[in-house]
Amino acid sequence: MSFVEVHFLPDNKKITVRPGTTLLDAGRRAKVNIRTRCGAKAACLMCKVHVVDQSGLAPMNTNERLKLGTQADEGYRLACQAKVVGPVQLTVPEDPLKAAIRAQLARQQEDNFL
């Protein structure tokens, strides 16, 4: 039985999984938070991840390509649909709420220095 490595950024977590595992399942096993709401049905589009080199992933199915639209050409995949076939490195975007809070805290720090 062969296994392949999945490397999650920016958390810098790595895990080995069987080929055919989705990025979402690999993320759960590695304790990487990939947001989702639809139960891995490609409906909510919250599990988008960025994969520069997609050679370690199975080709997109029609549903995933339709859901992502032009983002498919920019290297985005749906973690619930993208299946690992070889080593792969991906970036999990920051949660929008966490990003907003971080930006607000940064603005407050700047105001305190002025």
C-alpha atoms as a PDB file:
ATOM      1  CA  MET A   1       0.000   0.000   0.000  1.00  0.00           C
ATOM      2  CA  SER A   2       1.473   3.348  -1.017  1.00  0.00           C
ATOM      3  CA  PHE A   3       0.901   6.648   0.728  1.00  0.00           C
ATOM      4  CA  VAL A   4       1.419  10.228  -0.419  1.00  0.00           C
ATOM      5  CA  GLU A   5       2.290  13.377   1.509  1.00  0.00           C
ATOM      6  CA  VAL A   6      -0.038  16.360   1.775  1.00  0.00           C
ATOM      7  CA  HIS A   7       1.539  19.604   3.028  1.00  0.00           C
ATOM      8  CA  PHE A   8      -0.774  22.303   4.388  1.00  0.00           C
ATOM      9  CA  LEU A   9       0.309  25.951   4.458  1.00  0.00           C
ATOM     10  CA  PRO A  10       0.383  28.333   6.285  1.00  0.00           C
ATOM     11  CA  ASP A  11       0.071  25.844   9.185  1.00  0.00           C
ATOM     12  CA  ASN A  12       3.089  23.911   7.854  1.00  0.00           C
ATOM     13  CA  LYS A  13       1.444  20.597   8.736  1.00  0.00           C
ATOM     14  CA  LYS A  14       2.200  17.442   6.792  1.00  0.00           C
ATOM     15  CA  ILE A  15       0.327  14.160   6.718  1.00  0.00           C
ATOM     16  CA  THR A  16       0.555  10.999   4.656  1.00  0.00           C
ATOM     17  CA  VAL A  17      -2.674   9.610   3.222  1.00  0.00           C
ATOM     18  CA  ARG A  18      -3.813   6.963   0.787  1.00  0.00           C
ATOM     19  CA  PRO A  19      -4.302   8.026  -2.836  1.00  0.00           C
ATOM     20  CA  GLY A  20      -7.942   8.933  -3.422  1.00  0.00           C
ATOM     21  CA  THR A  21      -8.300  10.803  -0.111  1.00  0.00           C
ATOM     22  CA  THR A  22      -9.880  14.239  -0.474  1.00  0.00           C
ATOM     23  CA  LEU A  23      -7.959  17.297   0.667  1.00  0.00           C
ATOM     24  CA  LEU A  24     -10.769  17.947   3.158  1.00  0.00           C
ATOM     25  CA  ASP A  25     -10.358  14.519   4.773  1.00  0.00           C
ATOM     26  CA  ALA A  26      -6.569  14.897   4.799  1.00  0.00           C
ATOM     27  CA  GLY A  27      -6.972  18.302   6.454  1.00  0.00           C
ATOM     28  CA  ARG A  28      -9.246  16.882   9.130  1.00  0.00           C
ATOM     29  CA  ARG A  29      -6.740  14.135   9.895  1.00  0.00           C
ATOM     30  CA  ALA A  30      -3.920  16.703  10.098  1.00  0.00           C
ATOM     31  CA  LYS A  31      -6.078  18.940  12.326  1.00  0.00           C
ATOM     32  CA  VAL A  32      -6.035  21.747   9.764  1.00  0.00           C
ATOM     33  CA  ASN A  33      -9.168  23.884   9.826  1.00  0.00           C
ATOM     34  CA  ILE A  34     -10.753  23.909   6.371  1.00  0.00           C
ATOM     35  CA  ARG A  35     -14.142  25.574   6.576  1.00  0.00           C
ATOM     36  CA  THR A  36     -17.176  23.762   5.195  1.00  0.00           C
ATOM     37  CA  ARG A  37     -20.897  23.848   5.743  1.00  0.00           C
ATOM     38  CA  CYS A  38     -22.436  21.544   3.142  1.00  0.00           C
ATOM     39  CA  GLY A  39     -21.143  18.159   4.268  1.00  0.00           C
ATOM     40  CA  ALA A  40     -18.653  17.819   1.397  1.00  0.00           C
ATOM     41  CA  LYS A  41     -21.292  18.145  -1.346  1.00  0.00           C
ATOM     42  CA  ALA A  42     -19.561  20.996  -3.273  1.00  0.00           C
ATOM     43  CA  ALA A  43     -22.499  23.264  -2.452  1.00  0.00           C
ATOM     44  CA  CYS A  44     -21.189  25.889  -0.012  1.00  0.00           C
ATOM     45  CA  LEU A  45     -17.842  26.668  -1.723  1.00  0.00           C
ATOM     46  CA  MET A  46     -16.308  27.436   1.688  1.00  0.00           C
ATOM     47  CA  CYS A  47     -13.580  24.784   1.379  1.00  0.00           C
ATOM     48  CA  LYS A  48     -11.662  26.516  -1.426  1.00  0.00           C
ATOM     49  CA  VAL A  49      -7.922  25.989  -1.199  1.00  0.00           C
ATOM     50  CA  HIS A  50      -5.087  27.175  -3.434  1.00  0.00           C
ATOM     51  CA  VAL A  51      -2.852  24.586  -5.113  1.00  0.00           C
ATOM     52  CA  VAL A  52      -0.099  25.945  -7.364  1.00  0.00           C
ATOM     53  CA  ASP A  53       1.156  22.568  -8.604  1.00  0.00           C
ATOM     54  CA  GLN A  54      -1.870  20.355  -9.138  1.00  0.00           C
ATOM     55  CA  SER A  55       0.066  17.372 -10.515  1.00  0.00           C
ATOM     56  CA  GLY A  56      -0.562  15.562  -7.200  1.00  0.00           C
ATOM     57  CA  LEU A  57      -4.339  15.884  -7.566  1.00  0.00           C
ATOM     58  CA  ALA A  58      -6.858  14.049  -9.706  1.00  0.00           C
ATOM     59  CA  PRO A  59      -8.323  16.225 -12.495  1.00  0.00           C
ATOM     60  CA  MET A  60     -11.346  18.340 -11.604  1.00  0.00           C
ATOM     61  CA  ASN A  61     -14.734  16.810 -12.136  1.00  0.00           C
ATOM     62  CA  THR A  62     -17.296  18.809 -14.114  1.00  0.00           C
ATOM     63  CA  ASN A  63     -19.209  19.897 -11.008  1.00  0.00           C
ATOM     64  CA  GLU A  64     -16.097  21.299  -9.308  1.00  0.00           C
ATOM     65  CA  ARG A  65     -15.057  23.167 -12.466  1.00  0.00           C
ATOM     66  CA  LEU A  66     -18.528  24.690 -12.855  1.00  0.00           C
ATOM     67  CA  LYS A  67     -18.675  25.743  -9.199  1.00  0.00           C
ATOM     68  CA  LEU A  68     -15.228  27.378  -9.236  1.00  0.00           C
ATOM     69  CA  GLY A  69     -15.623  29.115 -12.593  1.00  0.00           C
ATOM     70  CA  THR A  70     -12.591  31.284 -13.392  1.00  0.00           C
ATOM     71  CA  GLN A  71     -11.027  30.508  -9.999  1.00  0.00           C
ATOM     72  CA  ALA A  72     -10.310  27.013 -11.341  1.00  0.00           C
ATOM     73  CA  ASP A  73      -7.814  28.601 -13.743  1.00  0.00           C
ATOM     74  CA  GLU A  74      -6.212  30.514 -10.832  1.00  0.00           C
ATOM     75  CA  GLY A  75      -5.240  27.333  -8.966  1.00  0.00           C
ATOM     76  CA  TYR A  76      -8.202  26.990  -6.645  1.00  0.00           C
ATOM     77  CA  ARG A  77      -9.775  23.655  -5.793  1.00  0.00           C
ATOM     78  CA  LEU A  78     -12.632  22.556  -3.561  1.00  0.00           C
ATOM     79  CA  ALA A  79     -11.037  20.547  -0.760  1.00  0.00           C
ATOM     80  CA  CYS A  80     -14.111  18.317  -0.535  1.00  0.00           C
ATOM     81  CA  GLN A  81     -13.773  17.311  -4.201  1.00  0.00           C
ATOM     82  CA  ALA A  82     -10.014  17.357  -4.908  1.00  0.00           C
ATOM     83  CA  LYS A  83      -8.545  13.864  -4.520  1.00  0.00           C
ATOM     84  CA  VAL A  84      -4.881  13.234  -3.814  1.00  0.00           C
ATOM     85  CA  VAL A  85      -2.996  11.053  -6.315  1.00  0.00           C
ATOM     86  CA  GLY A  86       0.542  12.166  -5.476  1.00  0.00           C
ATOM     87  CA  PRO A  87       2.449  14.544  -3.202  1.00  0.00           C
ATOM     88  CA  VAL A  88       0.759  17.933  -2.975  1.00  0.00           C
ATOM     89  CA  GLN A  89       1.258  21.272  -1.232  1.00  0.00           C
ATOM     90  CA  LEU A  90      -1.676  23.622  -0.720  1.00  0.00           C
ATOM     91  CA  THR A  91      -2.542  26.874   0.983  1.00  0.00           C
ATOM     92  CA  VAL A  92      -5.660  27.126   3.114  1.00  0.00           C
ATOM     93  CA  PRO A  93      -6.975  30.712   2.949  1.00  0.00           C
ATOM     94  CA  GLU A  94      -7.430  32.532   6.242  1.00  0.00           C
ATOM     95  CA  ASP A  95     -10.933  32.413   7.691  1.00  0.00           C
ATOM     96  CA  PRO A  96     -12.633  35.726   6.687  1.00  0.00           C
ATOM     97  CA  LEU A  97     -13.803  36.427  10.244  1.00  0.00           C
ATOM     98  CA  LYS A  98     -10.305  35.866  11.653  1.00  0.00           C
ATOM     99  CA  ALA A  99      -8.872  38.087   8.905  1.00  0.00           C
ATOM    100  CA  ALA A 100     -11.327  40.881   9.774  1.00  0.00           C
ATOM    101  CA  ILE A 101     -10.504  40.637  13.484  1.00  0.00           C
ATOM    102  CA  ARG A 102      -6.759  40.613  12.773  1.00  0.00           C
ATOM    103  CA  ALA A 103      -7.110  43.696  10.535  1.00  0.00           C
ATOM    104  CA  GLN A 104      -9.155  45.513  13.197  1.00  0.00           C
ATOM    105  CA  LEU A 105      -6.557  44.738  15.872  1.00  0.00           C
ATOM    106  CA  ALA A 106      -3.777  45.972  13.577  1.00  0.00           C
ATOM    107  CA  ARG A 107      -5.674  49.241  12.992  1.00  0.00           C
ATOM    108  CA  GLN A 108      -6.142  49.682  16.741  1.00  0.00           C
ATOM    109  CA  GLN A 109      -2.424  49.153  17.333  1.00  0.00           C
ATOM    110  CA  GLU A 110      -1.584  51.751  14.676  1.00  0.00           C
ATOM    111  CA  ASP A 111      -3.997  54.234  16.294  1.00  0.00           C
ATOM    112  CA  ASN A 112      -2.342  53.673  19.668  1.00  0.00           C
ATOM    113  CA  PHE A 113       1.045  54.580  18.213  1.00  0.00           C
ATOM    114  CA  LEU A 114      -0.161  57.820  16.598  1.00  0.00           C
END
